PDB file of N, CA and C in Angstrom:
ATOM      1  N   MET A   1       0.816  -1.200   0.001  1.00  0.00           N
ATOM      2  CA  MET A   1       0.001  -0.003  -0.002  1.00  0.00           C
ATOM      3  C   MET A   1       0.868   1.261  -0.001  1.00  0.00           C
ATOM      4  N   ALA A   2       1.871   1.321   0.880  1.00  0.00           N
ATOM      5  CA  ALA A   2       2.735   2.493   0.955  1.00  0.00           C
ATOM      6  C   ALA A   2       3.494   2.687  -0.355  1.00  0.00           C
ATOM      7  N   ALA A   3       3.935   1.578  -0.964  1.00  0.00           N
ATOM      8  CA  ALA A   3       4.653   1.664  -2.227  1.00  0.00           C
ATOM      9  C   ALA A   3       3.758   2.232  -3.330  1.00  0.00           C
ATOM     10  N   GLU A   4       2.467   1.832  -3.324  1.00  0.00           N
ATOM     11  CA  GLU A   4       1.527   2.360  -4.317  1.00  0.00           C
ATOM     12  C   GLU A   4       1.304   3.860  -4.141  1.00  0.00           C
ATOM     13  N   VAL A   5       1.179   4.304  -2.889  1.00  0.00           N
ATOM     14  CA  VAL A   5       1.003   5.730  -2.602  1.00  0.00           C
ATOM     15  C   VAL A   5       2.225   6.504  -3.061  1.00  0.00           C
ATOM     16  N   LEU A   6       3.407   5.971  -2.750  1.00  0.00           N
ATOM     17  CA  LEU A   6       4.645   6.620  -3.166  1.00  0.00           C
ATOM     18  C   LEU A   6       4.733   6.705  -4.685  1.00  0.00           C
ATOM     19  N   ARG A   7       4.405   5.618  -5.367  1.00  0.00           N
ATOM     20  CA  ARG A   7       4.411   5.625  -6.822  1.00  0.00           C
ATOM     21  C   ARG A   7       3.433   6.664  -7.365  1.00  0.00           C
ATOM     22  N   SER A   8       2.276   6.736  -6.766  1.00  0.00           N
ATOM     23  CA  SER A   8       1.253   7.693  -7.181  1.00  0.00           C
ATOM     24  C   SER A   8       1.765   9.121  -6.991  1.00  0.00           C
ATOM     25  N   PHE A   9       2.423   9.371  -5.854  1.00  0.00           N
ATOM     26  CA  PHE A   9       2.985  10.686  -5.587  1.00  0.00           C
ATOM     27  C   PHE A   9       4.053  11.035  -6.623  1.00  0.00           C
ATOM     28  N   GLU A  10       4.935  10.086  -6.903  1.00  0.00           N
ATOM     29  CA  GLU A  10       5.986  10.309  -7.897  1.00  0.00           C
ATOM     30  C   GLU A  10       5.386  10.567  -9.277  1.00  0.00           C
ATOM     31  N   ASP A  11       4.341   9.839  -9.639  1.00  0.00           N
ATOM     32  CA  ASP A  11       3.682  10.061 -10.926  1.00  0.00           C
ATOM     33  C   ASP A  11       3.103  11.468 -10.998  1.00  0.00           C
ATOM     34  N   ARG A  12       2.443  11.915  -9.916  1.00  0.00           N
ATOM     35  CA  ARG A  12       1.877  13.267  -9.905  1.00  0.00           C
ATOM     36  C   ARG A  12       2.977  14.319  -9.994  1.00  0.00           C
ATOM     37  N   ARG A  13       4.077  14.088  -9.315  1.00  0.00           N
ATOM     38  CA  ARG A  13       5.181  15.041  -9.362  1.00  0.00           C
ATOM     39  C   ARG A  13       5.771  15.120 -10.771  1.00  0.00           C
ATOM     40  N   ARG A  14       5.931  13.985 -11.422  1.00  0.00           N
ATOM     41  CA  ARG A  14       6.448  13.982 -12.789  1.00  0.00           C
ATOM     42  C   ARG A  14       5.489  14.696 -13.740  1.00  0.00           C
ATOM     43  N   MET A  15       4.170  14.464 -13.549  1.00  0.00           N
ATOM     44  CA  MET A  15       3.179  15.129 -14.386  1.00  0.00           C
ATOM     45  C   MET A  15       3.245  16.641 -14.200  1.00  0.00           C
ATOM     46  N   ALA A  16       3.333  17.087 -12.955  1.00  0.00           N
ATOM     47  CA  ALA A  16       3.417  18.522 -12.664  1.00  0.00           C
ATOM     48  C   ALA A  16       4.688  19.095 -13.278  1.00  0.00           C
ATOM     49  N   ARG A  17       5.774  18.364 -13.197  1.00  0.00           N
ATOM     50  CA  ARG A  17       7.031  18.817 -13.750  1.00  0.00           C
ATOM     51  C   ARG A  17       6.946  18.920 -15.274  1.00  0.00           C
ATOM     52  N   ASP A  18       6.290  17.962 -15.899  1.00  0.00           N
ATOM     53  CA  ASP A  18       6.081  17.998 -17.341  1.00  0.00           C
ATOM     54  C   ASP A  18       5.285  19.228 -17.748  1.00  0.00           C
ATOM     55  N   ILE A  19       4.256  19.543 -16.970  1.00  0.00           N
ATOM     56  CA  ILE A  19       3.430  20.711 -17.273  1.00  0.00           C
ATOM     57  C   ILE A  19       4.254  21.984 -17.130  1.00  0.00           C
ATOM     58  N   LEU A  20       5.063  22.076 -16.072  1.00  0.00           N
ATOM     59  CA  LEU A  20       5.870  23.279 -15.841  1.00  0.00           C
ATOM     60  C   LEU A  20       7.002  23.436 -16.833  1.00  0.00           C
ATOM     61  N   PHE A  21       7.697  22.367 -17.117  1.00  0.00           N
ATOM     62  CA  PHE A  21       8.924  22.464 -17.894  1.00  0.00           C
ATOM     63  C   PHE A  21       8.842  21.845 -19.290  1.00  0.00           C
ATOM     64  N   GLY A  22       7.838  21.049 -19.596  1.00  0.00           N
ATOM     65  CA  GLY A  22       7.778  20.352 -20.861  1.00  0.00           C
ATOM     66  C   GLY A  22       8.569  19.057 -20.784  1.00  0.00           C
ATOM     67  N   GLU A  23       8.438  18.242 -21.808  1.00  0.00           N
ATOM     68  CA  GLU A  23       9.071  16.922 -21.762  1.00  0.00           C
ATOM     69  C   GLU A  23      10.586  16.982 -21.717  1.00  0.00           C
ATOM     70  N   GLU A  24      11.178  18.079 -22.196  1.00  0.00           N
ATOM     71  CA  GLU A  24      12.642  18.190 -22.188  1.00  0.00           C
ATOM     72  C   GLU A  24      13.201  18.313 -20.776  1.00  0.00           C
ATOM     73  N   ALA A  25      12.352  18.522 -19.782  1.00  0.00           N
ATOM     74  CA  ALA A  25      12.805  18.734 -18.413  1.00  0.00           C
ATOM     75  C   ALA A  25      13.560  17.540 -17.854  1.00  0.00           C
ATOM     76  N   PHE A  26      13.436  16.386 -18.450  1.00  0.00           N
ATOM     77  CA  PHE A  26      14.108  15.233 -17.922  1.00  0.00           C
ATOM     78  C   PHE A  26      15.578  15.192 -18.306  1.00  0.00           C
ATOM     79  N   MET A  27      16.010  16.141 -19.090  1.00  0.00           N
ATOM     80  CA  MET A  27      17.414  16.238 -19.436  1.00  0.00           C
ATOM     81  C   MET A  27      18.036  17.333 -18.573  1.00  0.00           C
ATOM     82  N   PRO A  28      19.217  17.096 -18.002  1.00  0.00           N
ATOM     83  CA  PRO A  28      19.853  18.158 -17.228  1.00  0.00           C
ATOM     84  C   PRO A  28      20.232  19.317 -18.140  1.00  0.00           C
ATOM     85  N   LEU A  29      20.004  20.541 -17.681  1.00  0.00           N
ATOM     86  CA  LEU A  29      20.315  21.725 -18.475  1.00  0.00           C
ATOM     87  C   LEU A  29      21.329  22.588 -17.740  1.00  0.00           C
ATOM     88  N   THR A  30      22.155  23.278 -18.510  1.00  0.00           N
ATOM     89  CA  THR A  30      23.110  24.217 -17.941  1.00  0.00           C
ATOM     90  C   THR A  30      23.125  25.482 -18.785  1.00  0.00           C
ATOM     91  N   VAL A  31      23.599  26.569 -18.191  1.00  0.00           N
ATOM     92  CA  VAL A  31      23.775  27.819 -18.922  1.00  0.00           C
ATOM     93  C   VAL A  31      25.039  27.673 -19.760  1.00  0.00           C
ATOM     94  N   LYS A  32      24.876  27.766 -21.082  1.00  0.00           N
ATOM     95  CA  LYS A  32      26.067  27.608 -21.934  1.00  0.00           C
ATOM     96  C   LYS A  32      26.687  28.948 -22.310  1.00  0.00           C
ATOM     97  N   GLU A  33      25.868  30.032 -22.301  1.00  0.00           N
ATOM     98  CA  GLU A  33      26.445  31.358 -22.519  1.00  0.00           C
ATOM     99  C   GLU A  33      25.477  32.439 -22.071  1.00  0.00           C
ATOM    100  N   VAL A  34      26.038  33.609 -21.828  1.00  0.00           N
ATOM    101  CA  VAL A  34      25.249  34.779 -21.450  1.00  0.00           C
ATOM    102  C   VAL A  34      25.452  35.809 -22.551  1.00  0.00           C
ATOM    103  N   GLN A  35      24.343  36.322 -23.094  1.00  0.00           N
ATOM    104  CA  GLN A  35      24.412  37.274 -24.214  1.00  0.00           C
ATOM    105  C   GLN A  35      23.797  38.599 -23.814  1.00  0.00           C
ATOM    106  N   THR A  36      24.405  39.672 -24.308  1.00  0.00           N
ATOM    107  CA  THR A  36      23.803  40.982 -24.132  1.00  0.00           C
ATOM    108  C   THR A  36      22.611  41.110 -25.078  1.00  0.00           C
ATOM    109  N   THR A  37      21.776  42.092 -24.816  1.00  0.00           N
ATOM    110  CA  THR A  37      20.621  42.384 -25.673  1.00  0.00           C
ATOM    111  C   THR A  37      20.666  43.868 -25.991  1.00  0.00           C
ATOM    112  N   PRO A  38      19.830  44.323 -26.912  1.00  0.00           N
ATOM    113  CA  PRO A  38      19.789  45.769 -27.196  1.00  0.00           C
ATOM    114  C   PRO A  38      19.390  46.589 -25.941  1.00  0.00           C
ATOM    115  N   ASN A  39      18.686  45.972 -25.016  1.00  0.00           N
ATOM    116  CA  ASN A  39      18.302  46.634 -23.775  1.00  0.00           C
ATOM    117  C   ASN A  39      19.438  46.436 -22.761  1.00  0.00           C
ATOM    118  N   PRO A  40      20.083  47.506 -22.304  1.00  0.00           N
ATOM    119  CA  PRO A  40      21.204  47.330 -21.367  1.00  0.00           C
ATOM    120  C   PRO A  40      20.777  46.748 -20.010  1.00  0.00           C
ATOM    121  N   ASN A  41      19.482  46.740 -19.732  1.00  0.00           N
ATOM    122  CA  ASN A  41      18.994  46.183 -18.476  1.00  0.00           C
ATOM    123  C   ASN A  41      18.520  44.745 -18.618  1.00  0.00           C
ATOM    124  N   ALA A  42      18.777  44.124 -19.778  1.00  0.00           N
ATOM    125  CA  ALA A  42      18.358  42.734 -20.011  1.00  0.00           C
ATOM    126  C   ALA A  42      19.556  41.901 -20.460  1.00  0.00           C
ATOM    127  N   MET A  43      19.618  40.684 -19.948  1.00  0.00           N
ATOM    128  CA  MET A  43      20.626  39.701 -20.371  1.00  0.00           C
ATOM    129  C   MET A  43      19.911  38.418 -20.719  1.00  0.00           C
ATOM    130  N   LYS A  44      20.458  37.766 -21.727  1.00  0.00           N
ATOM    131  CA  LYS A  44      19.895  36.506 -22.222  1.00  0.00           C
ATOM    132  C   LYS A  44      20.810  35.366 -21.750  1.00  0.00           C
ATOM    133  N   PHE A  45      20.244  34.433 -20.989  1.00  0.00           N
ATOM    134  CA  PHE A  45      20.987  33.277 -20.483  1.00  0.00           C
ATOM    135  C   PHE A  45      20.582  32.082 -21.343  1.00  0.00           C
ATOM    136  N   VAL A  46      21.497  31.694 -22.242  1.00  0.00           N
ATOM    137  CA  VAL A  46      21.219  30.628 -23.212  1.00  0.00           C
ATOM    138  C   VAL A  46      21.580  29.286 -22.580  1.00  0.00           C
ATOM    139  N   LEU A  47      20.645  28.344 -22.663  1.00  0.00           N
ATOM    140  CA  LEU A  47      20.833  27.016 -22.084  1.00  0.00           C
ATOM    141  C   LEU A  47      21.241  26.018 -23.156  1.00  0.00           C
ATOM    142  N   ASP A  48      21.687  24.862 -22.750  1.00  0.00           N
ATOM    143  CA  ASP A  48      22.093  23.833 -23.715  1.00  0.00           C
ATOM    144  C   ASP A  48      20.938  22.930 -24.126  1.00  0.00           C
ATOM    145  N   GLY A  49      19.714  23.352 -23.864  1.00  0.00           N
ATOM    146  CA  GLY A  49      18.524  22.613 -24.281  1.00  0.00           C
ATOM    147  C   GLY A  49      17.286  23.474 -24.028  1.00  0.00           C
ATOM    148  N   ARG A  50      16.152  22.969 -24.458  1.00  0.00           N
ATOM    149  CA  ARG A  50      14.893  23.712 -24.270  1.00  0.00           C
ATOM    150  C   ARG A  50      14.475  23.713 -22.812  1.00  0.00           C
ATOM    151  N   ILE A  51      14.106  24.893 -22.307  1.00  0.00           N
ATOM    152  CA  ILE A  51      13.609  25.028 -20.944  1.00  0.00           C
ATOM    153  C   ILE A  51      12.089  24.945 -20.923  1.00  0.00           C
ATOM    154  N   THR A  52      11.461  25.323 -22.034  1.00  0.00           N
ATOM    155  CA  THR A  52      10.010  25.311 -22.083  1.00  0.00           C
ATOM    156  C   THR A  52       9.535  25.173 -23.519  1.00  0.00           C
ATOM    157  N   THR A  53       8.354  24.619 -23.674  1.00  0.00           N
ATOM    158  CA  THR A  53       7.746  24.538 -24.996  1.00  0.00           C
ATOM    159  C   THR A  53       6.762  25.676 -25.208  1.00  0.00           C
ATOM    160  N   THR A  54       6.417  26.377 -24.103  1.00  0.00           N
ATOM    161  CA  THR A  54       5.475  27.486 -24.160  1.00  0.00           C
ATOM    162  C   THR A  54       6.120  28.705 -23.531  1.00  0.00           C
ATOM    163  N   PRO A  55       6.167  29.844 -24.217  1.00  0.00           N
ATOM    164  CA  PRO A  55       6.763  31.054 -23.626  1.00  0.00           C
ATOM    165  C   PRO A  55       6.047  31.450 -22.338  1.00  0.00           C
ATOM    166  N   ALA A  56       6.813  31.973 -21.396  1.00  0.00           N
ATOM    167  CA  ALA A  56       6.231  32.448 -20.136  1.00  0.00           C
ATOM    168  C   ALA A  56       6.944  33.734 -19.730  1.00  0.00           C
ATOM    169  N   SER A  57       6.162  34.766 -19.404  1.00  0.00           N
ATOM    170  CA  SER A  57       6.701  36.053 -18.953  1.00  0.00           C
ATOM    171  C   SER A  57       6.205  36.334 -17.549  1.00  0.00           C
ATOM    172  N   PHE A  58       7.084  36.867 -16.736  1.00  0.00           N
ATOM    173  CA  PHE A  58       6.745  37.250 -15.367  1.00  0.00           C
ATOM    174  C   PHE A  58       7.282  38.662 -15.149  1.00  0.00           C
ATOM    175  N   PHE A  59       6.383  39.587 -14.845  1.00  0.00           N
ATOM    176  CA  PHE A  59       6.779  40.989 -14.711  1.00  0.00           C
ATOM    177  C   PHE A  59       7.030  41.427 -13.281  1.00  0.00           C
ATOM    178  N   ASN A  60       6.800  40.509 -12.325  1.00  0.00           N
ATOM    179  CA  ASN A  60       7.127  40.780 -10.926  1.00  0.00           C
ATOM    180  C   ASN A  60       7.081  39.457 -10.166  1.00  0.00           C
ATOM    181  N   ALA A  61       7.565  39.513  -8.926  1.00  0.00           N
ATOM    182  CA  ALA A  61       7.640  38.308  -8.102  1.00  0.00           C
ATOM    183  C   ALA A  61       6.265  37.717  -7.827  1.00  0.00           C
ATOM    184  N   GLU A  62       5.276  38.585  -7.667  1.00  0.00           N
ATOM    185  CA  GLU A  62       3.915  38.108  -7.415  1.00  0.00           C
ATOM    186  C   GLU A  62       3.397  37.281  -8.595  1.00  0.00           C
ATOM    187  N   ALA A  63       3.661  37.741  -9.808  1.00  0.00           N
ATOM    188  CA  ALA A  63       3.230  37.021 -11.005  1.00  0.00           C
ATOM    189  C   ALA A  63       3.947  35.668 -11.109  1.00  0.00           C
ATOM    190  N   ALA A  64       5.185  35.603 -10.633  1.00  0.00           N
ATOM    191  CA  ALA A  64       5.950  34.352 -10.699  1.00  0.00           C
ATOM    192  C   ALA A  64       5.358  33.306  -9.766  1.00  0.00           C
ATOM    193  N   GLY A  65       4.700  33.751  -8.700  1.00  0.00           N
ATOM    194  CA  GLY A  65       4.050  32.819  -7.770  1.00  0.00           C
ATOM    195  C   GLY A  65       4.973  31.692  -7.355  1.00  0.00           C
ATOM    196  N   ASN A  66       4.546  30.468  -7.612  1.00  0.00           N
ATOM    197  CA  ASN A  66       5.328  29.287  -7.253  1.00  0.00           C
ATOM    198  C   ASN A  66       6.086  28.690  -8.429  1.00  0.00           C
ATOM    199  N   HIS A  67       6.202  29.428  -9.517  1.00  0.00           N
ATOM    200  CA  HIS A  67       6.961  28.903 -10.656  1.00  0.00           C
ATOM    201  C   HIS A  67       8.396  28.657 -10.180  1.00  0.00           C
ATOM    202  N   PRO A  68       8.906  27.456 -10.342  1.00  0.00           N
ATOM    203  CA  PRO A  68      10.202  27.097  -9.757  1.00  0.00           C
ATOM    204  C   PRO A  68      11.381  27.922 -10.257  1.00  0.00           C
ATOM    205  N   ILE A  69      11.375  28.320 -11.506  1.00  0.00           N
ATOM    206  CA  ILE A  69      12.499  29.080 -12.039  1.00  0.00           C
ATOM    207  C   ILE A  69      12.308  30.564 -11.785  1.00  0.00           C
ATOM    208  N   ALA A  70      11.162  31.110 -12.183  1.00  0.00           N
ATOM    209  CA  ALA A  70      10.931  32.546 -12.050  1.00  0.00           C
ATOM    210  C   ALA A  70      10.987  32.984 -10.590  1.00  0.00           C
ATOM    211  N   SER A  71      10.386  32.227  -9.697  1.00  0.00           N
ATOM    212  CA  SER A  71      10.389  32.634  -8.283  1.00  0.00           C
ATOM    213  C   SER A  71      11.810  32.637  -7.722  1.00  0.00           C
ATOM    214  N   ARG A  72      12.635  31.706  -8.153  1.00  0.00           N
ATOM    215  CA  ARG A  72      14.031  31.674  -7.694  1.00  0.00           C
ATOM    216  C   ARG A  72      14.795  32.885  -8.221  1.00  0.00           C
ATOM    217  N   LEU A  73      14.533  33.272  -9.469  1.00  0.00           N
ATOM    218  CA  LEU A  73      15.213  34.437 -10.026  1.00  0.00           C
ATOM    219  C   LEU A  73      14.769  35.736  -9.360  1.00  0.00           C
ATOM    220  N   PHE A  74      13.479  35.841  -9.051  1.00  0.00           N
ATOM    221  CA  PHE A  74      12.991  37.045  -8.386  1.00  0.00           C
ATOM    222  C   PHE A  74      13.508  37.172  -6.957  1.00  0.00           C
ATOM    223  N   ALA A  75      14.050  36.115  -6.399  1.00  0.00           N
ATOM    224  CA  ALA A  75      14.649  36.187  -5.075  1.00  0.00           C
ATOM    225  C   ALA A  75      15.979  36.940  -5.104  1.00  0.00           C
ATOM    226  N   ILE A  76      16.512  37.169  -6.303  1.00  0.00           N
ATOM    227  CA  ILE A  76      17.770  37.909  -6.457  1.00  0.00           C
ATOM    228  C   ILE A  76      17.441  39.402  -6.463  1.00  0.00           C
ATOM    229  N   PRO A  77      18.048  40.172  -5.569  1.00  0.00           N
ATOM    230  CA  PRO A  77      17.779  41.607  -5.553  1.00  0.00           C
ATOM    231  C   PRO A  77      18.093  42.256  -6.905  1.00  0.00           C
ATOM    232  N   GLY A  78      17.155  43.058  -7.393  1.00  0.00           N
ATOM    233  CA  GLY A  78      17.348  43.773  -8.643  1.00  0.00           C
ATOM    234  C   GLY A  78      16.662  43.148  -9.847  1.00  0.00           C
ATOM    235  N   VAL A  79      16.223  41.905  -9.750  1.00  0.00           N
ATOM    236  CA  VAL A  79      15.527  41.264 -10.873  1.00  0.00           C
ATOM    237  C   VAL A  79      14.137  41.892 -10.984  1.00  0.00           C
ATOM    238  N   GLN A  80      13.810  42.383 -12.193  1.00  0.00           N
ATOM    239  CA  GLN A  80      12.530  43.045 -12.397  1.00  0.00           C
ATOM    240  C   GLN A  80      11.560  42.265 -13.274  1.00  0.00           C
ATOM    241  N   SER A  81      12.076  41.450 -14.201  1.00  0.00           N
ATOM    242  CA  SER A  81      11.190  40.598 -14.997  1.00  0.00           C
ATOM    243  C   SER A  81      11.982  39.412 -15.548  1.00  0.00           C
ATOM    244  N   VAL A  82      11.226  38.384 -15.925  1.00  0.00           N
ATOM    245  CA  VAL A  82      11.823  37.131 -16.413  1.00  0.00           C
ATOM    246  C   VAL A  82      11.012  36.636 -17.593  1.00  0.00           C
ATOM    247  N   LEU A  83      11.692  36.230 -18.652  1.00  0.00           N
ATOM    248  CA  LEU A  83      11.059  35.629 -19.828  1.00  0.00           C
ATOM    249  C   LEU A  83      11.702  34.278 -20.075  1.00  0.00           C
ATOM    250  N   LEU A  84      10.886  33.225 -20.173  1.00  0.00           N
ATOM    251  CA  LEU A  84      11.359  31.893 -20.543  1.00  0.00           C
ATOM    252  C   LEU A  84      10.848  31.607 -21.942  1.00  0.00           C
ATOM    253  N   LEU A  85      11.750  31.254 -22.835  1.00  0.00           N
ATOM    254  CA  LEU A  85      11.360  31.009 -24.227  1.00  0.00           C
ATOM    255  C   LEU A  85      12.350  30.033 -24.866  1.00  0.00           C
ATOM    256  N   GLY A  86      11.841  28.884 -25.259  1.00  0.00           N
ATOM    257  CA  GLY A  86      12.702  27.907 -25.954  1.00  0.00           C
ATOM    258  C   GLY A  86      13.899  27.496 -25.125  1.00  0.00           C
ATOM    259  N   ASP A  87      15.095  27.851 -25.614  1.00  0.00           N
ATOM    260  CA  ASP A  87      16.326  27.440 -24.932  1.00  0.00           C
ATOM    261  C   ASP A  87      17.011  28.597 -24.207  1.00  0.00           C
ATOM    262  N   PHE A  88      16.258  29.640 -23.853  1.00  0.00           N
ATOM    263  CA  PHE A  88      16.895  30.735 -23.120  1.00  0.00           C
ATOM    264  C   PHE A  88      15.949  31.368 -22.116  1.00  0.00           C
ATOM    265  N   ILE A  89      16.561  32.105 -21.206  1.00  0.00           N
ATOM    266  CA  ILE A  89      15.835  32.876 -20.196  1.00  0.00           C
ATOM    267  C   ILE A  89      16.394  34.285 -20.250  1.00  0.00           C
ATOM    268  N   THR A  90      15.522  35.274 -20.408  1.00  0.00           N
ATOM    269  CA  THR A  90      15.951  36.667 -20.385  1.00  0.00           C
ATOM    270  C   THR A  90      15.576  37.229 -19.037  1.00  0.00           C
ATOM    271  N   VAL A  91      16.553  37.865 -18.404  1.00  0.00           N
ATOM    272  CA  VAL A  91      16.345  38.499 -17.108  1.00  0.00           C
ATOM    273  C   VAL A  91      16.534  40.003 -17.281  1.00  0.00           C
ATOM    274  N   ASN A  92      15.570  40.772 -16.794  1.00  0.00           N
ATOM    275  CA  ASN A  92      15.685  42.232 -16.776  1.00  0.00           C
ATOM    276  C   ASN A  92      15.986  42.670 -15.358  1.00  0.00           C
ATOM    277  N   LYS A  93      16.920  43.609 -15.226  1.00  0.00           N
ATOM    278  CA  LYS A  93      17.344  44.097 -13.910  1.00  0.00           C
ATOM    279  C   LYS A  93      16.899  45.532 -13.718  1.00  0.00           C
ATOM    280  N   ALA A  94      16.949  45.975 -12.473  1.00  0.00           N
ATOM    281  CA  ALA A  94      16.679  47.377 -12.153  1.00  0.00           C
ATOM    282  C   ALA A  94      17.809  48.225 -12.731  1.00  0.00           C
ATOM    283  N   PRO A  95      17.502  49.417 -13.233  1.00  0.00           N
ATOM    284  CA  PRO A  95      18.519  50.259 -13.864  1.00  0.00           C
ATOM    285  C   PRO A  95      19.740  50.551 -12.989  1.00  0.00           C
ATOM    286  N   GLY A  96      19.575  50.641 -11.688  1.00  0.00           N
ATOM    287  CA  GLY A  96      20.712  50.963 -10.818  1.00  0.00           C
ATOM    288  C   GLY A  96      21.641  49.803 -10.527  1.00  0.00           C
ATOM    289  N   MET A  97      21.238  48.592 -10.860  1.00  0.00           N
ATOM    290  CA  MET A  97      22.054  47.406 -10.581  1.00  0.00           C
ATOM    291  C   MET A  97      23.088  47.205 -11.691  1.00  0.00           C
ATOM    292  N   LYS A  98      24.169  46.556 -11.358  1.00  0.00           N
ATOM    293  CA  LYS A  98      25.236  46.263 -12.327  1.00  0.00           C
ATOM    294  C   LYS A  98      25.199  44.778 -12.673  1.00  0.00           C
ATOM    295  N   TRP A  99      25.378  44.467 -13.945  1.00  0.00           N
ATOM    296  CA  TRP A  99      25.405  43.062 -14.351  1.00  0.00           C
ATOM    297  C   TRP A  99      26.555  42.314 -13.693  1.00  0.00           C
ATOM    298  N   THR A 100      27.645  43.034 -13.393  1.00  0.00           N
ATOM    299  CA  THR A 100      28.770  42.369 -12.735  1.00  0.00           C
ATOM    300  C   THR A 100      28.357  41.839 -11.372  1.00  0.00           C
ATOM    301  N   GLN A 101      27.358  42.474 -10.739  1.00  0.00           N
ATOM    302  CA  GLN A 101      26.851  42.014  -9.450  1.00  0.00           C
ATOM    303  C   GLN A 101      25.842  40.884  -9.608  1.00  0.00           C
ATOM    304  N   MET A 102      25.178  40.838 -10.737  1.00  0.00           N
ATOM    305  CA  MET A 102      24.020  39.955 -10.865  1.00  0.00           C
ATOM    306  C   MET A 102      24.238  38.692 -11.695  1.00  0.00           C
ATOM    307  N   THR A 103      25.090  38.724 -12.680  1.00  0.00           N
ATOM    308  CA  THR A 103      25.240  37.596 -13.610  1.00  0.00           C
ATOM    309  C   THR A 103      25.546  36.292 -12.888  1.00  0.00           C
ATOM    310  N   ALA A 104      26.530  36.307 -11.985  1.00  0.00           N
ATOM    311  CA  ALA A 104      26.898  35.071 -11.269  1.00  0.00           C
ATOM    312  C   ALA A 104      25.748  34.582 -10.409  1.00  0.00           C
ATOM    313  N   LYS A 105      24.994  35.502  -9.796  1.00  0.00           N
ATOM    314  CA  LYS A 105      23.858  35.102  -8.962  1.00  0.00           C
ATOM    315  C   LYS A 105      22.766  34.453  -9.800  1.00  0.00           C
ATOM    316  N   VAL A 106      22.511  35.012 -10.997  1.00  0.00           N
ATOM    317  CA  VAL A 106      21.487  34.440 -11.884  1.00  0.00           C
ATOM    318  C   VAL A 106      21.942  33.055 -12.352  1.00  0.00           C
ATOM    319  N   LYS A 107      23.199  32.933 -12.757  1.00  0.00           N
ATOM    320  CA  LYS A 107      23.702  31.636 -13.222  1.00  0.00           C
ATOM    321  C   LYS A 107      23.640  30.595 -12.102  1.00  0.00           C
ATOM    322  N   ARG A 108      23.991  30.990 -10.878  1.00  0.00           N
ATOM    323  CA  ARG A 108      23.952  30.067  -9.746  1.00  0.00           C
ATOM    324  C   ARG A 108      22.510  29.644  -9.437  1.00  0.00           C
ATOM    325  N   ALA A 109      21.588  30.606  -9.467  1.00  0.00           N
ATOM    326  CA  ALA A 109      20.167  30.289  -9.207  1.00  0.00           C
ATOM    327  C   ALA A 109      19.647  29.330 -10.275  1.00  0.00           C
ATOM    328  N   LEU A 110      19.982  29.595 -11.539  1.00  0.00           N
ATOM    329  CA  LEU A 110      19.541  28.700 -12.620  1.00  0.00           C
ATOM    330  C   LEU A 110      20.164  27.318 -12.460  1.00  0.00           C
ATOM    331  N   ALA A 111      21.436  27.263 -12.144  1.00  0.00           N
ATOM    332  CA  ALA A 111      22.086  25.959 -11.955  1.00  0.00           C
ATOM    333  C   ALA A 111      21.404  25.181 -10.841  1.00  0.00           C
ATOM    334  N   ASP A 112      21.093  25.856  -9.740  1.00  0.00           N
ATOM    335  CA  ASP A 112      20.448  25.189  -8.604  1.00  0.00           C
ATOM    336  C   ASP A 112      19.071  24.664  -8.966  1.00  0.00           C
ATOM    337  N   VAL A 113      18.246  25.516  -9.581  1.00  0.00           N
ATOM    338  CA  VAL A 113      16.878  25.094  -9.883  1.00  0.00           C
ATOM    339  C   VAL A 113      16.850  24.026 -10.979  1.00  0.00           C
ATOM    340  N   LEU A 114      17.745  24.129 -11.967  1.00  0.00           N
ATOM    341  CA  LEU A 114      17.777  23.125 -13.029  1.00  0.00           C
ATOM    342  C   LEU A 114      18.320  21.794 -12.494  1.00  0.00           C
ATOM    343  N   LYS A 115      19.269  21.863 -11.564  1.00  0.00           N
ATOM    344  CA  LYS A 115      19.794  20.643 -10.942  1.00  0.00           C
ATOM    345  C   LYS A 115      18.693  19.991 -10.096  1.00  0.00           C
ATOM    346  N   ASP A 116      17.949  20.820  -9.324  1.00  0.00           N
ATOM    347  CA  ASP A 116      16.853  20.298  -8.515  1.00  0.00           C
ATOM    348  C   ASP A 116      15.787  19.642  -9.401  1.00  0.00           C
ATOM    349  N   ALA A 117      15.456  20.270 -10.520  1.00  0.00           N
ATOM    350  CA  ALA A 117      14.451  19.729 -11.426  1.00  0.00           C
ATOM    351  C   ALA A 117      14.930  18.401 -12.016  1.00  0.00           C
ATOM    352  N   ASP A 118      16.212  18.310 -12.336  1.00  0.00           N
ATOM    353  CA  ASP A 118      16.762  17.065 -12.876  1.00  0.00           C
ATOM    354  C   ASP A 118      16.686  15.965 -11.831  1.00  0.00           C
ATOM    355  N   ARG A 119      17.028  16.284 -10.602  1.00  0.00           N
ATOM    356  CA  ARG A 119      16.979  15.279  -9.543  1.00  0.00           C
ATOM    357  C   ARG A 119      15.569  14.768  -9.310  1.00  0.00           C
ATOM    358  N   SER A 120      14.582  15.685  -9.318  1.00  0.00           N
ATOM    359  CA  SER A 120      13.208  15.260  -9.019  1.00  0.00           C
ATOM    360  C   SER A 120      12.610  14.440 -10.144  1.00  0.00           C
ATOM    361  N   GLY A 121      13.179  14.528 -11.348  1.00  0.00           N
ATOM    362  CA  GLY A 121      12.631  13.761 -12.465  1.00  0.00           C
ATOM    363  C   GLY A 121      13.285  12.413 -12.656  1.00  0.00           C
ATOM    364  N   SER A 122      14.349  12.139 -11.921  1.00  0.00           N
ATOM    365  CA  SER A 122      15.047  10.869 -12.110  1.00  0.00           C
ATOM    366  C   SER A 122      14.367   9.747 -11.401  1.00  0.00           C
TER     367      SER A 122
END
């Protein structure tokens, strides 16, 4: 009985993960490069695989709610918006913040959340 409940829980968790991240979520992802954009307050974090099959934009922490990636990024001081699209994530920062202060924090947050997602799907 306990094994069936555990299996059922794992199945629900995998289903929720599929909905949040798409089927590609079962592959570990890493940030392969960081690109500038025409907007000096935005940076594009390119991954080595698809993060989502459906674009998602979050314009504040409240909008991110419990989204595992966006909520983690909004925990970084200065993050103002997040866009997930295909194989990249664009992060917009507050004008007074410096990318030199934020890039490593964003990469670390993404590495942590993507590693956690990979572990939960195995």
